[in-house]
PDB file of N, CA and C in Angstrom:
ATOM      1  N   MET A   1      36.891 114.950 -63.472  1.00  0.00           N
ATOM      2  CA  MET A   1      35.608 114.532 -63.001  1.00  0.00           C
ATOM      3  C   MET A   1      34.744 114.171 -64.210  1.00  0.00           C
ATOM      4  N   LYS A   2      34.006 113.086 -64.086  1.00  0.00           N
ATOM      5  CA  LYS A   2      33.107 112.663 -65.147  1.00  0.00           C
ATOM      6  C   LYS A   2      31.668 112.953 -64.746  1.00  0.00           C
ATOM      7  N   ARG A   3      30.892 113.354 -65.715  1.00  0.00           N
ATOM      8  CA  ARG A   3      29.474 113.601 -65.488  1.00  0.00           C
ATOM      9  C   ARG A   3      28.678 112.827 -66.532  1.00  0.00           C
ATOM     10  N   THR A   4      27.533 112.397 -66.141  1.00  0.00           N
ATOM     11  CA  THR A   4      26.653 111.726 -67.084  1.00  0.00           C
ATOM     12  C   THR A   4      25.368 112.516 -67.233  1.00  0.00           C
ATOM     13  N   VAL A   5      24.770 112.390 -68.375  1.00  0.00           N
ATOM     14  CA  VAL A   5      23.504 113.049 -68.660  1.00  0.00           C
ATOM     15  C   VAL A   5      22.508 111.976 -69.056  1.00  0.00           C
ATOM     16  N   SER A   6      21.347 112.007 -68.461  1.00  0.00           N
ATOM     17  CA  SER A   6      20.283 111.070 -68.822  1.00  0.00           C
ATOM     18  C   SER A   6      19.304 111.769 -69.751  1.00  0.00           C
ATOM     19  N   ILE A   7      19.054 111.131 -70.881  1.00  0.00           N
ATOM     20  CA  ILE A   7      18.101 111.677 -71.838  1.00  0.00           C
ATOM     21  C   ILE A   7      17.038 110.609 -72.061  1.00  0.00           C
ATOM     22  N   PRO A   8      15.817 110.870 -71.625  1.00  0.00           N
ATOM     23  CA  PRO A   8      14.763 109.867 -71.835  1.00  0.00           C
ATOM     24  C   PRO A   8      14.423 109.739 -73.319  1.00  0.00           C
ATOM     25  N   VAL A   9      14.341 108.507 -73.779  1.00  0.00           N
ATOM     26  CA  VAL A   9      13.961 108.240 -75.162  1.00  0.00           C
ATOM     27  C   VAL A   9      12.927 107.122 -75.170  1.00  0.00           C
ATOM     28  N   ASN A  10      12.129 107.118 -76.189  1.00  0.00           N
ATOM     29  CA  ASN A  10      11.140 106.062 -76.354  1.00  0.00           C
ATOM     30  C   ASN A  10      11.675 105.054 -77.368  1.00  0.00           C
ATOM     31  N   LEU A  11      12.218 103.954 -76.871  1.00  0.00           N
ATOM     32  CA  LEU A  11      12.731 102.906 -77.750  1.00  0.00           C
ATOM     33  C   LEU A  11      11.678 101.825 -77.924  1.00  0.00           C
ATOM     34  N   PRO A  12      11.611 101.243 -79.111  1.00  0.00           N
ATOM     35  CA  PRO A  12      10.686 100.128 -79.295  1.00  0.00           C
ATOM     36  C   PRO A  12      11.122  98.955 -78.412  1.00  0.00           C
ATOM     37  N   ARG A  13      10.297  98.573 -77.482  1.00  0.00           N
ATOM     38  CA  ARG A  13      10.652  97.567 -76.488  1.00  0.00           C
ATOM     39  C   ARG A  13      11.077  96.239 -77.116  1.00  0.00           C
ATOM     40  N   GLU A  14      10.378  95.795 -78.144  1.00  0.00           N
ATOM     41  CA  GLU A  14      10.673  94.503 -78.750  1.00  0.00           C
ATOM     42  C   GLU A  14      12.068  94.482 -79.366  1.00  0.00           C
ATOM     43  N   ARG A  15      12.402  95.528 -80.101  1.00  0.00           N
ATOM     44  CA  ARG A  15      13.719  95.579 -80.754  1.00  0.00           C
ATOM     45  C   ARG A  15      14.832  95.739 -79.738  1.00  0.00           C
ATOM     46  N   PHE A  16      14.609  96.559 -78.731  1.00  0.00           N
ATOM     47  CA  PHE A  16      15.631  96.792 -77.722  1.00  0.00           C
ATOM     48  C   PHE A  16      15.908  95.514 -76.932  1.00  0.00           C
ATOM     49  N   LEU A  17      14.877  94.794 -76.530  1.00  0.00           N
ATOM     50  CA  LEU A  17      15.068  93.558 -75.773  1.00  0.00           C
ATOM     51  C   LEU A  17      15.747  92.495 -76.634  1.00  0.00           C
ATOM     52  N   LEU A  18      15.430  92.456 -77.911  1.00  0.00           N
ATOM     53  CA  LEU A  18      16.087  91.530 -78.821  1.00  0.00           C
ATOM     54  C   LEU A  18      17.581  91.835 -78.905  1.00  0.00           C
ATOM     55  N   LEU A  19      17.925  93.109 -79.027  1.00  0.00           N
ATOM     56  CA  LEU A  19      19.330  93.517 -79.079  1.00  0.00           C
ATOM     57  C   LEU A  19      20.047  93.169 -77.783  1.00  0.00           C
ATOM     58  N   MET A  20      19.428  93.437 -76.647  1.00  0.00           N
ATOM     59  CA  MET A  20      20.055  93.129 -75.360  1.00  0.00           C
ATOM     60  C   MET A  20      20.258  91.620 -75.192  1.00  0.00           C
ATOM     61  N   GLY A  21      19.305  90.833 -75.646  1.00  0.00           N
ATOM     62  CA  GLY A  21      19.452  89.382 -75.589  1.00  0.00           C
ATOM     63  C   GLY A  21      20.596  88.904 -76.468  1.00  0.00           C
ATOM     64  N   PHE A  22      20.726  89.501 -77.651  1.00  0.00           N
ATOM     65  CA  PHE A  22      21.812  89.158 -78.566  1.00  0.00           C
ATOM     66  C   PHE A  22      23.164  89.491 -77.936  1.00  0.00           C
ATOM     67  N   CYS A  23      23.275  90.665 -77.330  1.00  0.00           N
ATOM     68  CA  CYS A  23      24.521  91.072 -76.672  1.00  0.00           C
ATOM     69  C   CYS A  23      24.842  90.158 -75.491  1.00  0.00           C
ATOM     70  N   ALA A  24      23.830  89.767 -74.735  1.00  0.00           N
ATOM     71  CA  ALA A  24      24.040  88.873 -73.598  1.00  0.00           C
ATOM     72  C   ALA A  24      24.539  87.514 -74.070  1.00  0.00           C
ATOM     73  N   ASP A  25      24.008  87.008 -75.185  1.00  0.00           N
ATOM     74  CA  ASP A  25      24.468  85.723 -75.725  1.00  0.00           C
ATOM     75  C   ASP A  25      25.935  85.795 -76.142  1.00  0.00           C
ATOM     76  N   ILE A  26      26.312  86.869 -76.823  1.00  0.00           N
ATOM     77  CA  ILE A  26      27.707  87.038 -77.236  1.00  0.00           C
ATOM     78  C   ILE A  26      28.609  87.104 -76.012  1.00  0.00           C
ATOM     79  N   PHE A  27      28.219  87.871 -75.013  1.00  0.00           N
ATOM     80  CA  PHE A  27      29.024  87.998 -73.795  1.00  0.00           C
ATOM     81  C   PHE A  27      29.168  86.641 -73.108  1.00  0.00           C
ATOM     82  N   ASN A  28      28.066  85.910 -72.959  1.00  0.00           N
ATOM     83  CA  ASN A  28      28.116  84.615 -72.284  1.00  0.00           C
ATOM     84  C   ASN A  28      28.977  83.613 -73.041  1.00  0.00           C
ATOM     85  N   GLN A  29      28.904  83.618 -74.364  1.00  0.00           N
ATOM     86  CA  GLN A  29      29.754  82.722 -75.151  1.00  0.00           C
ATOM     87  C   GLN A  29      31.223  83.081 -74.976  1.00  0.00           C
ATOM     88  N   HIS A  30      31.520  84.362 -74.933  1.00  0.00           N
ATOM     89  CA  HIS A  30      32.905  84.791 -74.747  1.00  0.00           C
ATOM     90  C   HIS A  30      33.429  84.363 -73.376  1.00  0.00           C
ATOM     91  N   VAL A  31      32.630  84.535 -72.345  1.00  0.00           N
ATOM     92  CA  VAL A  31      33.042  84.128 -70.996  1.00  0.00           C
ATOM     93  C   VAL A  31      33.252  82.621 -70.945  1.00  0.00           C
ATOM     94  N   ASP A  32      32.338  81.858 -71.533  1.00  0.00           N
ATOM     95  CA  ASP A  32      32.501  80.398 -71.560  1.00  0.00           C
ATOM     96  C   ASP A  32      33.784  80.005 -72.270  1.00  0.00           C
ATOM     97  N   TRP A  33      34.069  80.654 -73.405  1.00  0.00           N
ATOM     98  CA  TRP A  33      35.282  80.365 -74.156  1.00  0.00           C
ATOM     99  C   TRP A  33      36.520  80.706 -73.327  1.00  0.00           C
ATOM    100  N   ALA A  34      36.485  81.850 -72.653  1.00  0.00           N
ATOM    101  CA  ALA A  34      37.635  82.284 -71.860  1.00  0.00           C
ATOM    102  C   ALA A  34      37.903  81.339 -70.699  1.00  0.00           C
ATOM    103  N   LEU A  35      36.856  80.781 -70.129  1.00  0.00           N
ATOM    104  CA  LEU A  35      37.029  79.882 -68.993  1.00  0.00           C
ATOM    105  C   LEU A  35      37.386  78.460 -69.419  1.00  0.00           C
ATOM    106  N   MET A  36      37.215  78.133 -70.690  1.00  0.00           N
ATOM    107  CA  MET A  36      37.453  76.784 -71.178  1.00  0.00           C
ATOM    108  C   MET A  36      38.915  76.377 -71.166  1.00  0.00           C
ATOM    109  N   GLY A  37      39.788  77.236 -71.525  1.00  0.00           N
ATOM    110  CA  GLY A  37      41.139  76.773 -71.751  1.00  0.00           C
ATOM    111  C   GLY A  37      42.216  77.712 -71.279  1.00  0.00           C
ATOM    112  N   THR A  38      43.400  77.337 -71.631  1.00  0.00           N
ATOM    113  CA  THR A  38      44.586  78.092 -71.263  1.00  0.00           C
ATOM    114  C   THR A  38      45.005  78.980 -72.426  1.00  0.00           C
ATOM    115  N   VAL A  39      46.052  79.705 -72.247  1.00  0.00           N
ATOM    116  CA  VAL A  39      46.557  80.591 -73.292  1.00  0.00           C
ATOM    117  C   VAL A  39      46.994  79.768 -74.500  1.00  0.00           C
ATOM    118  N   GLU A  40      47.576  78.619 -74.260  1.00  0.00           N
ATOM    119  CA  GLU A  40      48.023  77.773 -75.372  1.00  0.00           C
ATOM    120  C   GLU A  40      46.844  77.317 -76.224  1.00  0.00           C
ATOM    121  N   GLN A  41      45.751  76.952 -75.588  1.00  0.00           N
ATOM    122  CA  GLN A  41      44.570  76.532 -76.335  1.00  0.00           C
ATOM    123  C   GLN A  41      43.993  77.706 -77.119  1.00  0.00           C
ATOM    124  N   ALA A  42      44.044  78.872 -76.537  1.00  0.00           N
ATOM    125  CA  ALA A  42      43.535  80.057 -77.221  1.00  0.00           C
ATOM    126  C   ALA A  42      44.365  80.336 -78.470  1.00  0.00           C
ATOM    127  N   ALA A  43      45.674  80.164 -78.370  1.00  0.00           N
ATOM    128  CA  ALA A  43      46.547  80.398 -79.515  1.00  0.00           C
ATOM    129  C   ALA A  43      46.240  79.427 -80.645  1.00  0.00           C
ATOM    130  N   VAL A  44      45.854  78.223 -80.303  1.00  0.00           N
ATOM    131  CA  VAL A  44      45.520  77.230 -81.324  1.00  0.00           C
ATOM    132  C   VAL A  44      44.159  77.530 -81.936  1.00  0.00           C
ATOM    133  N   ASN A  45      43.208  77.954 -81.138  1.00  0.00           N
ATOM    134  CA  ASN A  45      41.833  78.151 -81.600  1.00  0.00           C
ATOM    135  C   ASN A  45      41.587  79.476 -82.304  1.00  0.00           C
ATOM    136  N   LEU A  46      42.411  80.480 -82.036  1.00  0.00           N
ATOM    137  CA  LEU A  46      42.194  81.790 -82.639  1.00  0.00           C
ATOM    138  C   LEU A  46      42.904  81.886 -83.986  1.00  0.00           C
ATOM    139  N   PRO A  47      42.307  82.582 -84.937  1.00  0.00           N
ATOM    140  CA  PRO A  47      42.983  82.765 -86.232  1.00  0.00           C
ATOM    141  C   PRO A  47      44.163  83.706 -86.074  1.00  0.00           C
ATOM    142  N   ASP A  48      45.055  83.635 -87.016  1.00  0.00           N
ATOM    143  CA  ASP A  48      46.216  84.520 -87.020  1.00  0.00           C
ATOM    144  C   ASP A  48      45.747  85.936 -87.353  1.00  0.00           C
ATOM    145  N   VAL A  49      45.858  86.830 -86.392  1.00  0.00           N
ATOM    146  CA  VAL A  49      45.353  88.195 -86.560  1.00  0.00           C
ATOM    147  C   VAL A  49      46.154  88.938 -87.624  1.00  0.00           C
ATOM    148  N   THR A  50      47.442  88.672 -87.719  1.00  0.00           N
ATOM    149  CA  THR A  50      48.261  89.376 -88.716  1.00  0.00           C
ATOM    150  C   THR A  50      47.792  89.049 -90.130  1.00  0.00           C
ATOM    151  N   ALA A  51      47.276  87.836 -90.347  1.00  0.00           N
ATOM    152  CA  ALA A  51      46.785  87.474 -91.669  1.00  0.00           C
ATOM    153  C   ALA A  51      45.505  88.250 -91.981  1.00  0.00           C
ATOM    154  N   LEU A  52      44.719  88.548 -90.981  1.00  0.00           N
ATOM    155  CA  LEU A  52      43.467  89.281 -91.200  1.00  0.00           C
ATOM    156  C   LEU A  52      43.737  90.764 -91.466  1.00  0.00           C
ATOM    157  N   VAL A  53      44.763  91.304 -90.815  1.00  0.00           N
ATOM    158  CA  VAL A  53      45.042  92.732 -90.923  1.00  0.00           C
ATOM    159  C   VAL A  53      45.833  93.027 -92.193  1.00  0.00           C
ATOM    160  N   GLY A  54      46.792  92.169 -92.504  1.00  0.00           N
ATOM    161  CA  GLY A  54      47.706  92.417 -93.615  1.00  0.00           C
ATOM    162  C   GLY A  54      47.148  92.217 -94.913  1.00  0.00           C
TER     163      GLY A  54
END
């Protein structure tokens, strides 16, 4: 069973809304990219992950 706890905090509204807008933009761009093409197109457009890790 999972439980959640709510802890009220006072966050600066301007900074929090800016962060949420930034996250929403990243999410929307990712969804647009995912809907654009097929797996083959993704393989061409994405960098080689092994080169980044190794």
